[in-house]
Amino acid sequence: MTIQLPSRFSGIYGIPEVAIYLSHTPPLTNGNKVDSAKLRYWTQTSIPLRVMNEYPTRQRFVTFLDLVSMRMIAILRSRNVRLREIRHTTKWLQKEFNIEWPLAYKPLWTYGSNVFIEFGRHLLTASRFGQEAMDFIGEWLNKVELDMRFDERNIASSWYPYQDVCLNPKIQFGSPCIDGTRIPTRSIWGKVKAGDKPEIVAKLYDIGLTQVYHAVEWEQRISSN
């Protein structure tokens, strides 16, 4: 059955779809794939999930910012930050900064099992409810590098899971597309899989040959799940 998504929603994903994307984008959580059961547990314990329940299906849908939040948890867990600290970070940022999606906010820092955030000239321990960190801690911190771009509010606006591949909730409902275009990578993959030469596909869509190769590589990754 085809589900018509309300036009006011953008960037809509099923939990299994998110699991596939995260599993094929390093770093994997503690070296393991991120399966749907793990994501559901995260959403029940650590993420202020915005589940979409208005569709005629039992499938649970989440927003782009939920996906980004899960991505952040995957990064933090890969650095051995415990879910308890992640929950503390989420609750504190929500309360003190009134941030609806704390884990989709500007990049955080980690050291050991703690999560830090810069506020003005101060370094605060977000996982310990804003306790101010000593200045010398800054020399030891590892920045949580994200393959994302942020808007003027410092909220994630797009994600780049693979070279030349972008997920933007305002484009094609957030489906993976060739960066800078509205061309879904699955369309490129469909043409090549059907037998069209990459050179022909590049001319058809007026994109670079390298972009075609990257789209195909990405689709091969996520279809191998």
C-alpha atoms as a PDB file:
ATOM      1  CA  MET A   1       0.000   0.000   0.000  1.00  0.00           C
ATOM      2  CA  THR A   2       1.297   3.421  -0.933  1.00  0.00           C
ATOM      3  CA  ILE A   3       1.333   5.855   1.979  1.00  0.00           C
ATOM      4  CA  GLN A   4       0.728   9.495   1.169  1.00  0.00           C
ATOM      5  CA  LEU A   5       2.779  11.606   3.563  1.00  0.00           C
ATOM      6  CA  PRO A   6       1.262  14.903   4.706  1.00  0.00           C
ATOM      7  CA  SER A   7       2.933  17.793   2.888  1.00  0.00           C
ATOM      8  CA  ARG A   8       3.722  19.581   6.148  1.00  0.00           C
ATOM      9  CA  PHE A   9       6.144  16.811   7.109  1.00  0.00           C
ATOM     10  CA  SER A  10       9.640  16.586   5.664  1.00  0.00           C
ATOM     11  CA  GLY A  11      12.415  14.146   6.372  1.00  0.00           C
ATOM     12  CA  ILE A  12      10.360  11.082   7.316  1.00  0.00           C
ATOM     13  CA  TYR A  13      12.079   7.753   8.032  1.00  0.00           C
ATOM     14  CA  GLY A  14      11.173   4.304   9.277  1.00  0.00           C
ATOM     15  CA  ILE A  15      13.243   2.855  12.129  1.00  0.00           C
ATOM     16  CA  PRO A  16      14.603  -0.016   9.928  1.00  0.00           C
ATOM     17  CA  GLU A  17      15.649   2.562   7.313  1.00  0.00           C
ATOM     18  CA  VAL A  18      17.528   4.599   9.919  1.00  0.00           C
ATOM     19  CA  ALA A  19      19.237   1.443  11.176  1.00  0.00           C
ATOM     20  CA  ILE A  20      20.515   0.692   7.669  1.00  0.00           C
ATOM     21  CA  TYR A  21      21.849   4.224   7.155  1.00  0.00           C
ATOM     22  CA  LEU A  22      23.660   4.298  10.487  1.00  0.00           C
ATOM     23  CA  SER A  23      25.052   0.791  10.117  1.00  0.00           C
ATOM     24  CA  HIS A  24      26.778   1.753   6.899  1.00  0.00           C
ATOM     25  CA  THR A  25      28.205   5.059   8.114  1.00  0.00           C
ATOM     26  CA  PRO A  26      31.249   4.915  10.405  1.00  0.00           C
ATOM     27  CA  PRO A  27      31.795   4.818  13.271  1.00  0.00           C
ATOM     28  CA  LEU A  28      29.627   1.826  14.036  1.00  0.00           C
ATOM     29  CA  THR A  29      28.429   1.681  17.632  1.00  0.00           C
ATOM     30  CA  ASN A  30      31.144  -0.165  19.565  1.00  0.00           C
ATOM     31  CA  GLY A  31      32.082  -1.918  16.349  1.00  0.00           C
ATOM     32  CA  ASN A  32      28.618  -3.428  15.911  1.00  0.00           C
ATOM     33  CA  LYS A  33      25.800  -2.703  13.516  1.00  0.00           C
ATOM     34  CA  VAL A  34      23.002  -0.487  14.745  1.00  0.00           C
ATOM     35  CA  ASP A  35      19.898  -2.644  14.490  1.00  0.00           C
ATOM     36  CA  SER A  36      16.260  -1.612  14.809  1.00  0.00           C
ATOM     37  CA  ALA A  37      15.934  -3.047  18.324  1.00  0.00           C
ATOM     38  CA  LYS A  38      18.833  -0.917  19.539  1.00  0.00           C
ATOM     39  CA  LEU A  39      17.366   2.210  17.962  1.00  0.00           C
ATOM     40  CA  ARG A  40      13.985   1.568  19.563  1.00  0.00           C
ATOM     41  CA  TYR A  41      15.698   1.211  22.921  1.00  0.00           C
ATOM     42  CA  TRP A  42      17.537   4.485  22.396  1.00  0.00           C
ATOM     43  CA  THR A  43      14.294   6.249  21.523  1.00  0.00           C
ATOM     44  CA  GLN A  44      12.671   4.885  24.681  1.00  0.00           C
ATOM     45  CA  THR A  45      15.508   5.918  26.989  1.00  0.00           C
ATOM     46  CA  SER A  46      17.665   8.690  25.500  1.00  0.00           C
ATOM     47  CA  ILE A  47      15.977  10.601  22.668  1.00  0.00           C
ATOM     48  CA  PRO A  48      13.010  13.005  22.786  1.00  0.00           C
ATOM     49  CA  LEU A  49      11.506  11.154  19.834  1.00  0.00           C
ATOM     50  CA  ARG A  50       8.915  12.743  17.581  1.00  0.00           C
ATOM     51  CA  VAL A  51       7.115   9.642  16.318  1.00  0.00           C
ATOM     52  CA  MET A  52       4.682  10.205  13.484  1.00  0.00           C
ATOM     53  CA  ASN A  53       1.453   8.312  14.187  1.00  0.00           C
ATOM     54  CA  GLU A  54      -0.853   9.803  11.583  1.00  0.00           C
ATOM     55  CA  TYR A  55      -0.362   7.196   8.857  1.00  0.00           C
ATOM     56  CA  PRO A  56      -2.578   4.191   8.043  1.00  0.00           C
ATOM     57  CA  THR A  57       0.156   1.700   8.949  1.00  0.00           C
ATOM     58  CA  ARG A  58       1.826   0.152  11.973  1.00  0.00           C
ATOM     59  CA  GLN A  59       5.195   1.383  10.761  1.00  0.00           C
ATOM     60  CA  ARG A  60       6.677   4.001  13.112  1.00  0.00           C
ATOM     61  CA  PHE A  61       8.148   7.034  11.395  1.00  0.00           C
ATOM     62  CA  VAL A  62      10.649   9.485  12.821  1.00  0.00           C
ATOM     63  CA  THR A  63      11.899  12.887  11.740  1.00  0.00           C
ATOM     64  CA  PHE A  64      15.220  13.973  10.294  1.00  0.00           C
ATOM     65  CA  LEU A  65      16.227  15.430  13.656  1.00  0.00           C
ATOM     66  CA  ASP A  66      15.469  12.090  15.311  1.00  0.00           C
ATOM     67  CA  LEU A  67      17.756  10.426  12.761  1.00  0.00           C
ATOM     68  CA  VAL A  68      20.479  12.975  13.542  1.00  0.00           C
ATOM     69  CA  SER A  69      20.004  12.350  17.255  1.00  0.00           C
ATOM     70  CA  MET A  70      20.462   8.621  16.740  1.00  0.00           C
ATOM     71  CA  ARG A  71      23.581   9.381  14.730  1.00  0.00           C
ATOM     72  CA  MET A  72      24.954  11.402  17.637  1.00  0.00           C
ATOM     73  CA  ILE A  73      24.264   8.563  20.072  1.00  0.00           C
ATOM     74  CA  ALA A  74      26.095   6.177  17.735  1.00  0.00           C
ATOM     75  CA  ILE A  75      29.132   8.478  17.780  1.00  0.00           C
ATOM     76  CA  LEU A  76      29.036   8.937  21.553  1.00  0.00           C
ATOM     77  CA  ARG A  77      28.581   5.216  22.187  1.00  0.00           C
ATOM     78  CA  SER A  78      31.544   4.479  19.884  1.00  0.00           C
ATOM     79  CA  ARG A  79      33.578   6.623  22.317  1.00  0.00           C
ATOM     80  CA  ASN A  80      32.304   4.557  25.248  1.00  0.00           C
ATOM     81  CA  VAL A  81      30.009   7.273  26.569  1.00  0.00           C
ATOM     82  CA  ARG A  82      27.337   5.436  28.544  1.00  0.00           C
ATOM     83  CA  LEU A  83      23.629   5.858  27.867  1.00  0.00           C
ATOM     84  CA  ARG A  84      23.217   7.262  31.378  1.00  0.00           C
ATOM     85  CA  GLU A  85      25.531  10.169  30.542  1.00  0.00           C
ATOM     86  CA  ILE A  86      23.753  10.667  27.222  1.00  0.00           C
ATOM     87  CA  ARG A  87      20.411  10.850  29.043  1.00  0.00           C
ATOM     88  CA  HIS A  88      21.831  13.374  31.513  1.00  0.00           C
ATOM     89  CA  THR A  89      23.179  15.440  28.618  1.00  0.00           C
ATOM     90  CA  THR A  90      19.821  15.396  26.841  1.00  0.00           C
ATOM     91  CA  LYS A  91      17.800  16.373  29.908  1.00  0.00           C
ATOM     92  CA  TRP A  92      20.153  19.156  30.952  1.00  0.00           C
ATOM     93  CA  LEU A  93      20.354  20.728  27.493  1.00  0.00           C
ATOM     94  CA  GLN A  94      16.568  20.589  27.181  1.00  0.00           C
ATOM     95  CA  LYS A  95      16.060  22.269  30.538  1.00  0.00           C
ATOM     96  CA  GLU A  96      18.811  24.895  30.485  1.00  0.00           C
ATOM     97  CA  PHE A  97      18.810  25.841  26.799  1.00  0.00           C
ATOM     98  CA  ASN A  98      15.237  24.924  25.845  1.00  0.00           C
ATOM     99  CA  ILE A  99      16.538  22.825  22.956  1.00  0.00           C
ATOM    100  CA  GLU A 100      13.892  20.466  21.602  1.00  0.00           C
ATOM    101  CA  TRP A 101      16.398  18.090  19.985  1.00  0.00           C
ATOM    102  CA  PRO A 102      19.535  18.402  22.159  1.00  0.00           C
ATOM    103  CA  LEU A 103      21.439  15.713  20.268  1.00  0.00           C
ATOM    104  CA  ALA A 104      20.859  17.477  16.948  1.00  0.00           C
ATOM    105  CA  TYR A 105      22.406  20.654  18.342  1.00  0.00           C
ATOM    106  CA  LYS A 106      25.868  22.038  17.603  1.00  0.00           C
ATOM    107  CA  PRO A 107      28.816  19.660  18.046  1.00  0.00           C
ATOM    108  CA  LEU A 108      29.656  18.377  21.493  1.00  0.00           C
ATOM    109  CA  TRP A 109      32.938  17.257  23.044  1.00  0.00           C
ATOM    110  CA  THR A 110      33.859  14.086  24.897  1.00  0.00           C
ATOM    111  CA  TYR A 111      36.469  13.015  27.400  1.00  0.00           C
ATOM    112  CA  GLY A 112      36.239   9.641  29.063  1.00  0.00           C
ATOM    113  CA  SER A 113      32.560   8.958  29.776  1.00  0.00           C
ATOM    114  CA  ASN A 114      31.562  12.632  29.975  1.00  0.00           C
ATOM    115  CA  VAL A 115      30.038  14.961  27.382  1.00  0.00           C
ATOM    116  CA  PHE A 116      30.927  18.661  27.257  1.00  0.00           C
ATOM    117  CA  ILE A 117      29.534  21.704  25.478  1.00  0.00           C
ATOM    118  CA  GLU A 118      31.013  25.152  24.879  1.00  0.00           C
ATOM    119  CA  PHE A 119      28.953  28.043  26.221  1.00  0.00           C
ATOM    120  CA  GLY A 120      30.524  31.403  25.592  1.00  0.00           C
ATOM    121  CA  ARG A 121      34.036  31.161  26.987  1.00  0.00           C
ATOM    122  CA  HIS A 122      33.128  28.389  29.364  1.00  0.00           C
ATOM    123  CA  LEU A 123      33.320  24.627  28.975  1.00  0.00           C
ATOM    124  CA  LEU A 124      30.400  22.907  30.708  1.00  0.00           C
ATOM    125  CA  THR A 125      29.975  19.226  31.529  1.00  0.00           C
ATOM    126  CA  ALA A 126      26.592  18.576  29.945  1.00  0.00           C
ATOM    127  CA  SER A 127      26.480  14.991  31.224  1.00  0.00           C
ATOM    128  CA  ARG A 128      26.827  16.346  34.787  1.00  0.00           C
ATOM    129  CA  PHE A 129      24.054  18.929  34.511  1.00  0.00           C
ATOM    130  CA  GLY A 130      26.275  21.875  33.526  1.00  0.00           C
ATOM    131  CA  GLN A 131      29.117  21.553  35.997  1.00  0.00           C
ATOM    132  CA  GLU A 132      31.888  23.885  34.834  1.00  0.00           C
ATOM    133  CA  ALA A 133      34.989  22.039  33.659  1.00  0.00           C
ATOM    134  CA  MET A 134      38.526  23.005  34.552  1.00  0.00           C
ATOM    135  CA  ASP A 135      40.320  24.960  31.811  1.00  0.00           C
ATOM    136  CA  PHE A 136      43.019  22.347  31.286  1.00  0.00           C
ATOM    137  CA  ILE A 137      40.364  19.736  30.378  1.00  0.00           C
ATOM    138  CA  GLY A 138      39.993  21.493  27.035  1.00  0.00           C
ATOM    139  CA  GLU A 139      43.417  20.244  25.966  1.00  0.00           C
ATOM    140  CA  TRP A 140      42.292  16.635  26.313  1.00  0.00           C
ATOM    141  CA  LEU A 141      38.865  16.784  24.719  1.00  0.00           C
ATOM    142  CA  ASN A 142      37.899  15.003  21.521  1.00  0.00           C
ATOM    143  CA  LYS A 143      35.478  16.958  19.417  1.00  0.00           C
ATOM    144  CA  VAL A 144      32.502  14.979  18.157  1.00  0.00           C
ATOM    145  CA  GLU A 145      33.105  15.564  14.465  1.00  0.00           C
ATOM    146  CA  LEU A 146      29.860  15.357  12.555  1.00  0.00           C
ATOM    147  CA  ASP A 147      29.382  14.928   8.830  1.00  0.00           C
ATOM    148  CA  MET A 148      26.604  17.495   8.976  1.00  0.00           C
ATOM    149  CA  ARG A 149      25.782  21.113   8.356  1.00  0.00           C
ATOM    150  CA  PHE A 150      23.960  23.339  10.820  1.00  0.00           C
ATOM    151  CA  ASP A 151      21.571  26.228  10.313  1.00  0.00           C
ATOM    152  CA  GLU A 152      21.658  29.659  11.938  1.00  0.00           C
ATOM    153  CA  ARG A 153      20.153  28.182  15.111  1.00  0.00           C
ATOM    154  CA  ASN A 154      22.969  25.613  15.317  1.00  0.00           C
ATOM    155  CA  ILE A 155      20.482  22.805  14.557  1.00  0.00           C
ATOM    156  CA  ALA A 156      21.481  20.119  12.058  1.00  0.00           C
ATOM    157  CA  SER A 157      20.049  20.883   8.618  1.00  0.00           C
ATOM    158  CA  SER A 158      21.628  18.188   6.426  1.00  0.00           C
ATOM    159  CA  TRP A 159      23.690  15.020   6.744  1.00  0.00           C
ATOM    160  CA  TYR A 160      26.429  13.685   4.446  1.00  0.00           C
ATOM    161  CA  PRO A 161      26.709   9.923   5.052  1.00  0.00           C
ATOM    162  CA  TYR A 162      28.883   9.349   1.965  1.00  0.00           C
ATOM    163  CA  GLN A 163      30.876  11.419  -0.484  1.00  0.00           C
ATOM    164  CA  ASP A 164      28.554  13.453  -2.769  1.00  0.00           C
ATOM    165  CA  VAL A 165      25.508  12.042  -0.938  1.00  0.00           C
ATOM    166  CA  CYS A 166      23.279  14.323   1.141  1.00  0.00           C
ATOM    167  CA  LEU A 167      20.152  13.895   3.248  1.00  0.00           C
ATOM    168  CA  ASN A 168      18.286  17.195   3.510  1.00  0.00           C
ATOM    169  CA  PRO A 169      14.775  17.066   5.023  1.00  0.00           C
ATOM    170  CA  LYS A 170      13.653  19.809   2.622  1.00  0.00           C
ATOM    171  CA  ILE A 171      14.654  17.812  -0.463  1.00  0.00           C
ATOM    172  CA  GLN A 172      12.828  14.667  -1.610  1.00  0.00           C
ATOM    173  CA  PHE A 173      11.447  14.088   1.919  1.00  0.00           C
ATOM    174  CA  GLY A 174      15.003  13.640   3.173  1.00  0.00           C
ATOM    175  CA  SER A 175      15.919  10.768   0.862  1.00  0.00           C
ATOM    176  CA  PRO A 176      19.633  10.388  -0.007  1.00  0.00           C
ATOM    177  CA  CYS A 177      20.322  12.620  -2.998  1.00  0.00           C
ATOM    178  CA  ILE A 178      23.303  13.772  -5.014  1.00  0.00           C
ATOM    179  CA  ASP A 179      24.670  16.752  -3.093  1.00  0.00           C
ATOM    180  CA  GLY A 180      23.482  20.044  -4.579  1.00  0.00           C
ATOM    181  CA  THR A 181      20.684  18.422  -6.586  1.00  0.00           C
ATOM    182  CA  ARG A 182      17.244  16.879  -6.137  1.00  0.00           C
ATOM    183  CA  ILE A 183      18.331  13.605  -7.721  1.00  0.00           C
ATOM    184  CA  PRO A 184      17.810  10.593  -5.429  1.00  0.00           C
ATOM    185  CA  THR A 185      20.753   8.215  -5.354  1.00  0.00           C
ATOM    186  CA  ARG A 186      18.309   5.336  -5.807  1.00  0.00           C
ATOM    187  CA  SER A 187      17.381   6.768  -9.230  1.00  0.00           C
ATOM    188  CA  ILE A 188      21.041   6.726 -10.280  1.00  0.00           C
ATOM    189  CA  TRP A 189      21.469   3.213  -8.914  1.00  0.00           C
ATOM    190  CA  GLY A 190      18.328   2.040 -10.729  1.00  0.00           C
ATOM    191  CA  LYS A 191      19.633   3.228 -14.086  1.00  0.00           C
ATOM    192  CA  VAL A 192      23.060   1.658 -13.635  1.00  0.00           C
ATOM    193  CA  LYS A 193      21.600  -1.574 -12.269  1.00  0.00           C
ATOM    194  CA  ALA A 194      19.334  -1.767 -15.319  1.00  0.00           C
ATOM    195  CA  GLY A 195      22.401  -1.739 -17.572  1.00  0.00           C
ATOM    196  CA  ASP A 196      22.951   1.916 -18.453  1.00  0.00           C
ATOM    197  CA  LYS A 197      26.602   2.914 -18.526  1.00  0.00           C
ATOM    198  CA  PRO A 198      27.648   5.431 -15.853  1.00  0.00           C
ATOM    199  CA  GLU A 199      28.771   7.857 -18.558  1.00  0.00           C
ATOM    200  CA  ILE A 200      25.276   7.816 -20.071  1.00  0.00           C
ATOM    201  CA  VAL A 201      23.633   8.273 -16.678  1.00  0.00           C
ATOM    202  CA  ALA A 202      25.911  11.239 -15.921  1.00  0.00           C
ATOM    203  CA  LYS A 203      24.856  12.942 -19.167  1.00  0.00           C
ATOM    204  CA  LEU A 204      21.198  12.107 -18.592  1.00  0.00           C
ATOM    205  CA  TYR A 205      21.144  13.816 -15.203  1.00  0.00           C
ATOM    206  CA  ASP A 206      23.753  16.450 -16.071  1.00  0.00           C
ATOM    207  CA  ILE A 207      26.037  15.474 -13.187  1.00  0.00           C
ATOM    208  CA  GLY A 208      29.662  14.403 -12.912  1.00  0.00           C
ATOM    209  CA  LEU A 209      30.764  10.846 -13.522  1.00  0.00           C
ATOM    210  CA  THR A 210      32.299  10.707 -10.039  1.00  0.00           C
ATOM    211  CA  GLN A 211      28.948  11.636  -8.551  1.00  0.00           C
ATOM    212  CA  VAL A 212      27.381   8.690 -10.360  1.00  0.00           C
ATOM    213  CA  TYR A 213      30.006   6.335  -8.971  1.00  0.00           C
ATOM    214  CA  HIS A 214      29.534   7.650  -5.443  1.00  0.00           C
ATOM    215  CA  ALA A 215      25.749   7.324  -5.658  1.00  0.00           C
ATOM    216  CA  VAL A 216      26.112   3.726  -6.837  1.00  0.00           C
ATOM    217  CA  GLU A 217      28.622   2.934  -4.094  1.00  0.00           C
ATOM    218  CA  TRP A 218      26.315   4.344  -1.448  1.00  0.00           C
ATOM    219  CA  GLU A 219      23.287   2.419  -2.718  1.00  0.00           C
ATOM    220  CA  GLN A 220      25.332  -0.780  -2.901  1.00  0.00           C
ATOM    221  CA  ARG A 221      26.333  -0.262   0.714  1.00  0.00           C
ATOM    222  CA  ILE A 222      22.844   0.160   2.070  1.00  0.00           C
ATOM    223  CA  SER A 223      21.344  -2.568  -0.133  1.00  0.00           C
ATOM    224  CA  SER A 224      23.875  -5.105   1.158  1.00  0.00           C
ATOM    225  CA  ASN A 225      22.328  -4.981   4.630  1.00  0.00           C
END
